[in-house]
Amino acid sequence: MSWNLSYRLARLSSWPGTLAFRLTAGYALAGLVMVIIATASLYLVLVAELEKSTDLFLSDKVNVLRTMLRDRPNDWDNLREEVELESAARQYEQFYIRLLDDQKTPLMMTPGMTELLDLQQFASDAQTQSKRAFPMTGKNGRVFRVTTAAVPVGSPPTQTDTIQIAIDVSQKEALLARYRRWFWTILAGSLVIFPLVGYQIARQGIRPVQEIATTAQHISSTNLRERILPEGYPTELASLAGTFNQMLDRLEESFERISRFSADIAHDLRTPVNNIRGEAEVALARARSVEEYRDVLGSCLEETVRLSNLISDLLFLARAESPLGHLHWARVDVGELLSSVREYYEGAAEEGGISLTTANGDKPVIAELDRMLLQRAVGNLVANAVAHTPPGGSVVLRANTETDSVLIEVSDTGVGIPPEALPRVFDRFFRVDQSRSQASGGTGLGLAIVQSIMVLHNGNAEISSQPGHGTRVTLRMPMATAR
């Protein structure tokens, strides 16, 4: 599965459906959209501003003529200068004016206006257009912006004349045409540049992903020491690399534990089997008496019992790792449970000259738990304490509450545990004293089972010890365990 994942990640930039292609397409499309929006917006603003400036000029001319016809209707010289002569002095954006009386008879007109504009069309378009100023194409194809206005003559008015004004906007149209050509040139260049730039950005962006894929490709069950160096990565990919490294750390630790676990199982299973085989071979080497055969069978029975207990403990640990909710929950008086455990081990404690007592408070401690499992956990602790406490020592069982938690303590005055061994006492098959554990029949699974039972109860086991002064194990779990 890891090989398949790394293979797919390694090919991210090699086919159109890859992340690199999608990023490139996204960058290019986003860039093109931004260019189109920006240039189109600027073009529309430019068109609007040019039309506005032209309309303001036309409106200004209309106002000038309206004022002259109202205040000085008989000043024909000034009117003729305004209508016929001023436009001739302009090189660009020349304008043309025609003045009509109330009978639509031309009174005066800018020279050349009839050659450039269809005046009949001018008059008809002016009647149909709702806007005061509108575009019109001249006879030679040049573009004009025209307007018409009715103005009163004299003060008070004696008649109403009509003013027709046209201004040549060919230069502005040429400017807009050049702008459109530049727009299409920029757009064509963007079609080439944006995909190239986007592809380079995408390649740089997915480079850490490809490195992660390469690292994953080198990982196997025999090579779990590969790690990703997240220095220089973006924050998101650095977090991904850190998570990937943490996953590898957990896998490496799990594989090492499985390897040690397998070796310990092989060793602990081999020892009783070899003992049984040795006893049987010695017994069969020559004829034996009934008593000798009985001793051999008794020794073999002890080894098989030890082997059966070991297998039972291993099966329990295997089920504890995947409990699937098979716990029998019930409200249990923890003090009464400790008293029952004390009674069970009291005979063994007296035989070893050890004081075994409970120190429960006046108030009962009630918790929701699996009675059989907790009884087994406390029993394992008491058995360890009795086994490692010399004659004259004591073992005390206590039950307390702390906020919403239940605390069970098993303390002894035994030989204690060295500080360097404390971190590993809950590991499977770990023995502080190998020779003593073998002699007493211990498998090194007792504390591992205790910790597994606590995990099933959403709790944990803690241990503290001083060599020569004793050991204390505390079981901590919620008072009302979530099922």
Protein backbone atom coordinates (compact mmCIF):
# COMPACT_ATOMS: atom_id res chain seq x y z
CA MET A 1 0.00 0.00 0.00
CA SER A 2 2.83 2.41 0.88
CA TRP A 3 4.56 1.56 -2.42
CA ASN A 4 1.36 2.31 -4.35
CA LEU A 5 0.94 5.66 -2.56
CA SER A 6 4.54 6.68 -3.18
CA TYR A 7 4.30 5.61 -6.83
CA ARG A 8 1.29 7.84 -7.38
CA LEU A 9 2.85 10.78 -5.59
CA ALA A 10 6.08 10.41 -7.57
CA ARG A 11 4.15 10.78 -10.86
CA LEU A 12 2.35 14.00 -9.87
CA SER A 13 3.84 16.03 -12.74
CA SER A 14 3.96 13.39 -15.46
CA TRP A 15 0.38 13.27 -16.79
CA PRO A 16 -2.49 15.76 -17.33
CA GLY A 17 -4.52 14.58 -14.38
CA THR A 18 -1.76 15.39 -11.92
CA LEU A 19 -1.66 18.01 -9.22
CA ALA A 20 1.00 19.91 -11.20
CA PHE A 21 -1.27 20.14 -14.24
CA ARG A 22 -4.22 21.25 -12.14
CA LEU A 23 -2.18 23.88 -10.34
CA THR A 24 -0.76 25.13 -13.64
CA ALA A 25 -4.22 25.32 -15.19
CA GLY A 26 -5.53 27.09 -12.11
CA TYR A 27 -2.71 29.65 -12.07
CA ALA A 28 -3.00 30.29 -15.82
CA LEU A 29 -6.78 30.58 -15.75
CA ALA A 30 -6.72 32.88 -12.73
CA GLY A 31 -4.05 35.06 -14.34
CA LEU A 32 -5.92 35.29 -17.63
CA VAL A 33 -9.16 36.14 -15.87
CA MET A 34 -7.42 38.88 -13.90
CA VAL A 35 -5.80 40.30 -17.06
CA ILE A 36 -9.11 40.23 -18.94
CA ILE A 37 -10.98 41.87 -16.06
CA ALA A 38 -8.31 44.54 -15.55
CA THR A 39 -7.86 45.46 -19.21
CA ALA A 40 -11.59 45.32 -19.98
CA SER A 41 -12.34 47.50 -16.97
CA LEU A 42 -9.71 50.03 -18.01
CA TYR A 43 -11.08 50.00 -21.56
CA LEU A 44 -14.64 50.63 -20.38
CA VAL A 45 -13.46 53.41 -18.07
CA LEU A 46 -11.48 54.98 -20.92
CA VAL A 47 -14.49 54.83 -23.28
CA ALA A 48 -16.72 56.38 -20.63
CA GLU A 49 -14.22 59.17 -19.87
CA LEU A 50 -13.71 60.00 -23.55
CA GLU A 51 -17.46 60.15 -24.14
CA LYS A 52 -17.88 62.25 -21.02
CA SER A 53 -15.23 64.77 -22.11
CA THR A 54 -16.80 65.01 -25.58
CA ASP A 55 -20.31 65.43 -24.15
CA LEU A 56 -19.08 68.15 -21.82
CA PHE A 57 -17.55 69.99 -24.78
CA LEU A 58 -20.81 69.74 -26.76
CA SER A 59 -22.81 70.88 -23.75
CA ASP A 60 -20.48 73.80 -23.26
CA LYS A 61 -20.89 74.87 -26.91
CA VAL A 62 -24.66 74.65 -26.65
CA ASN A 63 -24.62 76.83 -23.53
CA VAL A 64 -22.40 79.43 -25.20
CA LEU A 65 -24.71 79.69 -28.23
CA ARG A 66 -27.83 79.68 -26.05
CA THR A 67 -26.42 82.62 -24.05
CA MET A 68 -25.51 84.55 -27.19
CA LEU A 69 -28.94 84.02 -28.80
CA ARG A 70 -30.70 85.03 -25.63
CA ASP A 71 -28.67 88.11 -24.74
CA ARG A 72 -27.45 89.31 -28.17
CA PRO A 73 -29.66 87.81 -30.85
CA ASN A 74 -28.71 90.46 -33.42
CA ASP A 75 -24.93 90.18 -32.96
CA TRP A 76 -24.42 88.20 -36.17
CA ASP A 77 -20.70 88.86 -36.30
CA ASN A 78 -20.03 87.12 -33.02
CA LEU A 79 -22.42 84.30 -33.95
CA ARG A 80 -20.69 83.83 -37.30
CA GLU A 81 -17.29 83.79 -35.60
CA GLU A 82 -18.50 81.20 -33.13
CA VAL A 83 -20.22 79.02 -35.76
CA GLU A 84 -18.10 79.44 -38.90
CA LEU A 85 -14.60 80.47 -37.86
CA GLU A 86 -13.60 78.93 -34.49
CA SER A 87 -13.57 75.31 -35.69
CA ALA A 88 -11.18 76.16 -38.53
CA ALA A 89 -8.51 77.05 -35.98
CA ARG A 90 -8.58 73.52 -34.43
CA GLN A 91 -6.30 70.82 -35.88
CA TYR A 92 -7.81 67.91 -33.92
CA GLU A 93 -11.37 67.24 -32.85
CA GLN A 94 -12.85 69.76 -35.24
CA PHE A 95 -16.48 70.58 -34.62
CA TYR A 96 -19.28 71.69 -36.92
CA ILE A 97 -22.35 73.83 -36.06
CA ARG A 98 -25.55 74.54 -37.96
CA LEU A 99 -28.12 77.09 -36.76
CA LEU A 100 -31.74 76.70 -37.92
CA ASP A 101 -34.67 79.04 -37.35
CA ASP A 102 -38.09 77.94 -36.18
CA GLN A 103 -38.99 77.07 -39.79
CA LYS A 104 -35.92 74.74 -40.03
CA THR A 105 -34.31 77.14 -42.47
CA PRO A 106 -30.49 77.25 -42.12
CA LEU A 107 -29.29 80.60 -40.83
CA MET A 108 -25.56 79.87 -40.71
CA MET A 109 -23.32 76.73 -40.80
CA THR A 110 -19.68 75.79 -40.36
CA PRO A 111 -18.03 75.43 -43.82
CA GLY A 112 -17.64 71.81 -45.01
CA MET A 113 -20.36 70.41 -42.78
CA THR A 114 -22.55 69.33 -45.69
CA GLU A 115 -19.65 67.45 -47.32
CA LEU A 116 -18.95 65.47 -44.12
CA LEU A 117 -22.40 64.76 -42.68
CA ASP A 118 -25.78 63.70 -44.02
CA LEU A 119 -27.81 66.51 -42.47
CA GLN A 120 -31.16 64.90 -43.21
CA GLN A 121 -30.08 61.77 -41.36
CA PHE A 122 -28.75 64.04 -38.62
CA ALA A 123 -32.20 65.59 -38.18
CA SER A 124 -34.06 62.28 -38.28
CA ASP A 125 -31.67 60.56 -35.84
CA ALA A 126 -31.95 63.50 -33.44
CA GLN A 127 -35.72 62.94 -33.26
CA THR A 128 -35.40 59.21 -32.47
CA GLN A 129 -32.45 59.33 -30.03
CA SER A 130 -33.27 59.55 -26.36
CA LYS A 131 -29.80 60.75 -25.39
CA ARG A 132 -28.72 64.33 -25.90
CA ALA A 133 -25.45 63.24 -27.54
CA PHE A 134 -25.04 60.16 -29.77
CA PRO A 135 -22.53 58.79 -32.29
CA MET A 136 -22.94 59.18 -36.04
CA THR A 137 -20.86 58.02 -39.01
CA GLY A 138 -20.05 60.65 -41.63
CA LYS A 139 -20.03 60.35 -45.40
CA ASN A 140 -16.30 59.56 -45.49
CA GLY A 141 -16.55 56.94 -42.71
CA ARG A 142 -15.25 59.18 -39.97
CA VAL A 143 -16.98 59.01 -36.61
CA PHE A 144 -18.72 62.03 -35.09
CA ARG A 145 -20.51 62.65 -31.87
CA VAL A 146 -23.50 64.89 -32.43
CA THR A 147 -26.19 66.66 -30.45
CA THR A 148 -29.09 68.99 -31.13
CA ALA A 149 -30.83 71.53 -28.91
CA ALA A 150 -33.72 74.00 -29.16
CA VAL A 151 -32.78 77.46 -27.80
CA PRO A 152 -34.96 80.55 -27.28
CA VAL A 153 -33.98 83.72 -29.13
CA GLY A 154 -34.14 87.06 -27.34
CA SER A 155 -35.24 88.09 -23.92
CA PRO A 156 -38.16 87.77 -23.74
CA PRO A 157 -38.04 84.98 -26.41
CA THR A 158 -39.46 85.86 -29.80
CA GLN A 159 -38.74 82.53 -31.50
CA THR A 160 -37.00 79.22 -30.98
CA ASP A 161 -33.98 78.26 -33.06
CA THR A 162 -32.35 74.84 -33.37
CA ILE A 163 -28.64 74.21 -32.87
CA GLN A 164 -26.98 71.13 -34.43
CA ILE A 165 -23.41 70.40 -33.32
CA ALA A 166 -21.10 67.59 -34.50
CA ILE A 167 -17.55 66.96 -33.26
CA ASP A 168 -15.03 64.73 -35.00
CA VAL A 169 -13.96 61.95 -32.58
CA SER A 170 -11.88 59.96 -35.08
CA GLN A 171 -8.72 60.53 -33.02
CA LYS A 172 -10.37 59.10 -29.95
CA GLU A 173 -11.66 56.12 -31.93
CA ALA A 174 -8.12 55.54 -33.20
CA LEU A 175 -6.88 55.67 -29.59
CA LEU A 176 -9.46 53.04 -28.58
CA ALA A 177 -8.50 50.90 -31.57
CA ARG A 178 -4.84 50.99 -30.50
CA TYR A 179 -5.90 50.10 -26.98
CA ARG A 180 -7.84 47.07 -28.28
CA ARG A 181 -4.82 45.92 -30.28
CA TRP A 182 -2.65 46.18 -27.18
CA PHE A 183 -5.31 44.30 -25.23
CA TRP A 184 -5.26 41.36 -27.65
CA THR A 185 -1.44 41.43 -27.72
CA ILE A 186 -1.26 41.31 -23.93
CA LEU A 187 -3.85 38.54 -23.82
CA ALA A 188 -1.93 36.49 -26.40
CA GLY A 189 1.29 36.97 -24.42
CA SER A 190 -0.48 35.98 -21.22
CA LEU A 191 -1.68 32.76 -22.86
CA VAL A 192 1.97 31.82 -23.30
CA ILE A 193 3.57 33.31 -20.20
CA PHE A 194 1.03 32.34 -17.53
CA PRO A 195 1.11 28.56 -18.20
CA LEU A 196 4.93 28.59 -18.16
CA VAL A 197 5.13 30.59 -14.96
CA GLY A 198 2.29 28.58 -13.41
CA TYR A 199 4.05 25.32 -14.25
CA GLN A 200 7.27 26.47 -12.60
CA ILE A 201 5.35 27.58 -9.51
CA ALA A 202 3.47 24.27 -9.42
CA ARG A 203 6.69 22.26 -9.72
CA GLN A 204 8.27 24.19 -6.88
CA GLY A 205 5.08 23.80 -4.85
CA ILE A 206 4.86 20.01 -5.21
CA ARG A 207 8.59 19.40 -4.81
CA PRO A 208 8.19 18.62 -1.08
CA VAL A 209 5.36 16.22 -1.93
CA GLN A 210 7.62 14.42 -4.41
CA GLU A 211 10.34 14.22 -1.75
CA ILE A 212 7.83 12.72 0.65
CA ALA A 213 6.87 10.21 -2.06
CA THR A 214 10.53 9.32 -2.63
CA THR A 215 11.02 8.77 1.10
CA ALA A 216 7.89 6.63 1.31
CA GLN A 217 9.16 4.55 -1.62
CA HIS A 218 12.28 3.62 0.36
CA ILE A 219 10.35 2.49 3.44
CA SER A 220 9.86 -1.20 4.12
CA SER A 221 9.53 -3.44 7.15
CA THR A 222 13.33 -3.72 7.27
CA ASN A 223 14.01 -0.01 6.67
CA LEU A 224 12.05 2.31 8.93
CA ARG A 225 14.81 4.81 9.64
CA GLU A 226 14.06 7.09 6.68
CA ARG A 227 12.93 10.57 7.72
CA ILE A 228 11.86 13.76 5.93
CA LEU A 229 13.74 16.99 6.65
CA PRO A 230 10.99 19.65 6.74
CA GLU A 231 13.39 22.63 6.83
CA GLY A 232 12.48 25.13 4.12
CA TYR A 233 9.05 23.63 3.47
CA PRO A 234 5.86 25.72 3.57
CA THR A 235 4.00 25.55 6.88
CA GLU A 236 1.35 23.12 5.62
CA LEU A 237 3.84 20.69 4.08
CA ALA A 238 6.21 21.03 7.04
CA SER A 239 3.30 19.93 9.24
CA LEU A 240 2.64 17.02 6.85
CA ALA A 241 6.33 16.03 6.94
CA GLY A 242 6.33 16.19 10.74
CA THR A 243 3.21 14.03 10.92
CA PHE A 244 4.77 11.56 8.47
CA ASN A 245 7.94 11.38 10.59
CA GLN A 246 5.87 10.81 13.74
CA MET A 247 4.04 8.00 11.95
CA LEU A 248 7.39 6.44 11.03
CA ASP A 249 8.56 6.77 14.63
CA ARG A 250 5.46 4.92 15.82
CA LEU A 251 5.87 2.25 13.15
CA GLU A 252 9.54 1.76 14.00
CA GLU A 253 8.73 1.49 17.70
CA SER A 254 5.89 -0.96 16.97
CA PHE A 255 8.10 -3.13 14.78
CA GLU A 256 10.81 -3.16 17.42
CA ARG A 257 8.31 -4.11 20.10
CA ILE A 258 6.86 -6.85 17.90
CA SER A 259 10.36 -8.14 17.23
CA ARG A 260 11.22 -8.19 20.92
CA PHE A 261 7.82 -9.64 21.73
CA SER A 262 8.30 -12.46 19.22
CA ALA A 263 11.76 -13.24 20.56
CA ASP A 264 10.47 -13.25 24.15
CA ILE A 265 7.54 -15.51 23.23
CA ALA A 266 9.89 -17.94 21.50
CA HIS A 267 12.20 -17.96 24.52
CA ASP A 268 9.46 -18.35 27.13
CA LEU A 269 7.65 -21.05 25.18
CA ARG A 270 10.85 -22.89 24.43
CA THR A 271 11.93 -23.10 28.08
CA PRO A 272 8.99 -25.17 29.44
CA VAL A 273 8.87 -27.27 26.26
CA ASN A 274 12.59 -28.05 26.57
CA ASN A 275 12.13 -28.86 30.25
CA ILE A 276 9.31 -31.29 29.45
CA ARG A 277 11.32 -32.84 26.65
CA GLY A 278 14.41 -33.18 28.87
CA GLU A 279 12.43 -34.75 31.71
CA ALA A 280 10.81 -37.22 29.31
CA GLU A 281 14.10 -38.15 27.63
CA VAL A 282 15.81 -38.74 30.97
CA ALA A 283 12.87 -40.82 32.19
CA LEU A 284 12.91 -42.96 29.04
CA ALA A 285 16.69 -43.44 28.97
CA ARG A 286 16.36 -46.46 31.25
CA ALA A 287 13.84 -48.27 33.38
CA ARG A 288 12.57 -46.24 36.35
CA SER A 289 10.64 -47.00 39.45
CA VAL A 290 7.03 -45.90 39.91
CA GLU A 291 8.08 -43.10 42.26
CA GLU A 292 10.63 -41.81 39.76
CA TYR A 293 8.04 -41.81 37.00
CA ARG A 294 5.65 -40.04 39.34
CA ASP A 295 8.26 -37.32 40.01
CA VAL A 296 8.86 -36.89 36.28
CA LEU A 297 5.14 -36.61 35.57
CA GLY A 298 4.76 -34.12 38.43
CA SER A 299 7.60 -32.01 37.04
CA CYS A 300 6.10 -32.20 33.54
CA LEU A 301 2.73 -31.15 34.96
CA GLU A 302 4.30 -28.09 36.59
CA GLU A 303 5.86 -27.10 33.28
CA THR A 304 2.59 -27.61 31.38
CA VAL A 305 0.73 -25.53 33.97
CA ARG A 306 3.33 -22.81 33.54
CA LEU A 307 3.02 -23.11 29.76
CA SER A 308 -0.79 -22.99 29.97
CA ASN A 309 -0.66 -19.87 32.15
CA LEU A 310 1.72 -18.20 29.71
CA ILE A 311 -0.55 -18.96 26.76
CA SER A 312 -3.57 -17.75 28.72
CA ASP A 313 -1.83 -14.46 29.52
CA LEU A 314 -0.82 -13.97 25.88
CA LEU A 315 -4.37 -14.63 24.71
CA PHE A 316 -5.67 -12.11 27.24
CA LEU A 317 -3.24 -9.43 26.02
CA ALA A 318 -4.21 -10.14 22.41
CA ARG A 319 -7.92 -9.74 23.23
CA ALA A 320 -7.24 -6.61 25.30
CA GLU A 321 -5.74 -4.87 22.25
CA SER A 322 -9.04 -5.37 20.41
CA PRO A 323 -11.71 -5.65 23.11
CA LEU A 324 -14.70 -4.79 20.87
CA GLY A 325 -16.62 -3.75 23.96
CA HIS A 326 -16.68 -7.22 25.60
CA LEU A 327 -16.49 -5.84 29.14
CA HIS A 328 -19.06 -6.61 31.80
CA TRP A 329 -19.78 -3.23 33.33
CA ALA A 330 -21.26 -2.98 36.77
CA ARG A 331 -21.30 -0.69 39.80
CA VAL A 332 -18.70 -2.12 42.16
CA ASP A 333 -17.76 -1.31 45.74
CA VAL A 334 -13.98 -0.99 45.31
CA GLY A 335 -13.31 -1.38 49.04
CA GLU A 336 -15.18 -4.66 49.15
CA LEU A 337 -13.27 -5.85 46.04
CA LEU A 338 -9.94 -5.11 47.74
CA SER A 339 -11.06 -7.01 50.83
CA SER A 340 -11.88 -10.07 48.71
CA VAL A 341 -8.46 -9.92 47.05
CA ARG A 342 -6.80 -9.63 50.49
CA GLU A 343 -8.67 -12.69 51.72
CA TYR A 344 -7.59 -14.69 48.67
CA TYR A 345 -3.87 -13.91 49.12
CA GLU A 346 -3.89 -13.82 52.90
CA GLY A 347 -2.76 -17.43 53.24
CA ALA A 348 0.25 -16.97 50.95
CA ALA A 349 1.19 -13.76 52.77
CA GLU A 350 1.03 -15.41 56.22
CA GLU A 351 3.12 -18.30 54.94
CA GLY A 352 5.81 -15.82 53.90
CA GLY A 353 5.60 -13.86 57.15
CA ILE A 354 4.12 -10.79 55.43
CA SER A 355 1.37 -8.53 56.74
CA LEU A 356 -1.40 -8.05 54.12
CA THR A 357 -3.96 -5.38 55.02
CA THR A 358 -6.50 -2.99 53.50
CA ALA A 359 -6.81 0.69 54.44
CA ASN A 360 -10.23 1.72 53.17
CA GLY A 361 -11.88 4.90 54.35
CA ASP A 362 -15.23 5.22 56.08
CA LYS A 363 -16.95 6.36 52.89
CA PRO A 364 -17.45 3.57 50.32
CA VAL A 365 -15.82 4.01 46.92
CA ILE A 366 -18.27 3.07 44.16
CA ALA A 367 -17.17 2.92 40.51
CA GLU A 368 -18.49 1.52 37.25
CA LEU A 369 -16.07 -1.15 35.99
CA ASP A 370 -15.54 -4.78 35.06
CA ARG A 371 -15.22 -6.53 38.42
CA MET A 372 -13.43 -9.66 37.16
CA LEU A 373 -10.82 -7.71 35.20
CA LEU A 374 -10.08 -5.28 38.01
CA GLN A 375 -9.86 -8.14 40.45
CA ARG A 376 -7.30 -9.77 38.18
CA ALA A 377 -5.28 -6.54 37.93
CA VAL A 378 -5.20 -6.02 41.71
CA GLY A 379 -4.45 -9.71 42.20
CA ASN A 380 -1.41 -9.48 39.91
CA LEU A 381 -0.12 -6.50 41.90
CA VAL A 382 -0.63 -8.25 45.23
CA ALA A 383 1.05 -11.43 43.94
CA ASN A 384 4.08 -9.41 42.80
CA ALA A 385 4.20 -7.52 46.10
CA VAL A 386 4.05 -10.72 48.19
CA ALA A 387 6.67 -12.41 45.99
CA HIS A 388 9.16 -9.54 46.36
CA THR A 389 8.63 -8.61 50.01
CA PRO A 390 10.89 -10.32 52.57
CA PRO A 391 9.52 -11.85 55.80
CA GLY A 392 8.46 -9.22 58.29
CA GLY A 393 7.38 -6.81 55.57
CA SER A 394 3.92 -5.52 54.77
CA VAL A 395 1.60 -5.04 51.80
CA VAL A 396 -1.22 -2.47 51.99
CA LEU A 397 -4.22 -2.04 49.67
CA ARG A 398 -5.99 1.34 49.55
CA ALA A 399 -8.96 2.80 47.64
CA ASN A 400 -9.41 6.58 47.33
CA THR A 401 -11.24 9.10 45.17
CA GLU A 402 -9.82 12.16 43.47
CA THR A 403 -12.24 14.52 41.66
CA ASP A 404 -14.01 12.14 39.23
CA SER A 405 -11.37 9.40 39.42
CA VAL A 406 -10.88 6.28 41.49
CA LEU A 407 -7.40 5.49 42.81
CA ILE A 408 -6.33 2.03 43.93
CA GLU A 409 -2.91 1.73 45.56
CA VAL A 410 -0.92 -1.41 46.28
CA SER A 411 2.21 -0.62 48.29
CA ASP A 412 4.80 -2.91 49.84
CA THR A 413 8.02 -2.72 51.82
CA GLY A 414 9.86 -5.09 49.54
CA VAL A 415 13.19 -4.96 47.71
CA GLY A 416 12.07 -2.20 45.32
CA ILE A 417 12.92 -1.63 41.67
CA PRO A 418 16.06 0.10 40.28
CA PRO A 419 15.32 3.54 38.73
CA GLU A 420 16.64 2.47 35.31
CA ALA A 421 14.11 -0.39 35.19
CA LEU A 422 11.01 1.64 36.10
CA PRO A 423 10.24 2.90 32.53
CA ARG A 424 10.06 -0.70 31.26
CA VAL A 425 8.23 -2.55 34.02
CA PHE A 426 4.93 -2.47 32.09
CA ASP A 427 6.56 -3.94 28.94
CA ARG A 428 5.71 -7.51 28.07
CA PHE A 429 8.21 -10.17 29.22
CA PHE A 430 10.33 -7.60 31.03
CA ARG A 431 11.83 -8.93 34.25
CA VAL A 432 13.85 -6.85 36.71
CA ASP A 433 15.64 -9.96 38.00
CA GLN A 434 15.78 -12.60 35.27
CA SER A 435 17.06 -15.43 37.44
CA ARG A 436 14.62 -14.80 40.28
CA SER A 437 11.66 -14.53 37.94
CA GLN A 438 12.53 -17.77 36.26
CA ALA A 439 12.89 -19.50 39.58
CA SER A 440 9.54 -18.24 40.79
CA GLY A 441 7.82 -19.11 37.53
CA GLY A 442 7.13 -15.49 36.51
CA THR A 443 6.58 -14.72 32.82
CA GLY A 444 7.00 -10.95 32.87
CA LEU A 445 3.41 -10.41 31.73
CA GLY A 446 1.75 -9.53 35.04
CA LEU A 447 2.24 -5.75 34.93
CA ALA A 448 1.59 -5.67 31.18
CA ILE A 449 -1.80 -7.26 31.87
CA VAL A 450 -2.47 -4.70 34.61
CA GLN A 451 -1.75 -1.83 32.21
CA SER A 452 -3.97 -3.40 29.52
CA ILE A 453 -6.86 -3.69 31.98
CA MET A 454 -6.44 -0.02 32.92
CA VAL A 455 -6.48 1.00 29.25
CA LEU A 456 -9.76 -0.91 28.81
CA HIS A 457 -11.15 1.19 31.69
CA ASN A 458 -9.86 4.45 30.14
CA GLY A 459 -7.32 4.68 32.94
CA ASN A 460 -3.63 4.03 33.51
CA ALA A 461 -1.21 2.42 35.93
CA GLU A 462 1.60 4.37 37.61
CA ILE A 463 4.54 3.01 39.58
CA SER A 464 7.07 4.47 41.98
CA SER A 465 9.79 2.64 43.86
CA GLN A 466 12.91 3.03 45.97
CA PRO A 467 15.37 0.13 46.05
CA GLY A 468 15.35 -1.42 49.53
CA HIS A 469 12.31 0.56 50.68
CA GLY A 470 9.45 -0.83 48.63
CA THR A 471 7.20 -0.17 45.65
CA ARG A 472 3.87 1.56 45.14
CA VAL A 473 1.59 0.96 42.15
CA THR A 474 -1.39 3.29 41.61
CA LEU A 475 -4.32 2.39 39.37
CA ARG A 476 -6.20 5.48 38.19
CA MET A 477 -9.50 5.30 36.29
CA PRO A 478 -12.68 7.36 35.84
CA MET A 479 -15.39 6.82 38.40
CA ALA A 480 -17.98 6.48 35.60
CA THR A 481 -16.15 4.92 32.67
CA ALA A 482 -17.38 5.76 29.15
CA ARG A 483 -18.49 2.45 27.68
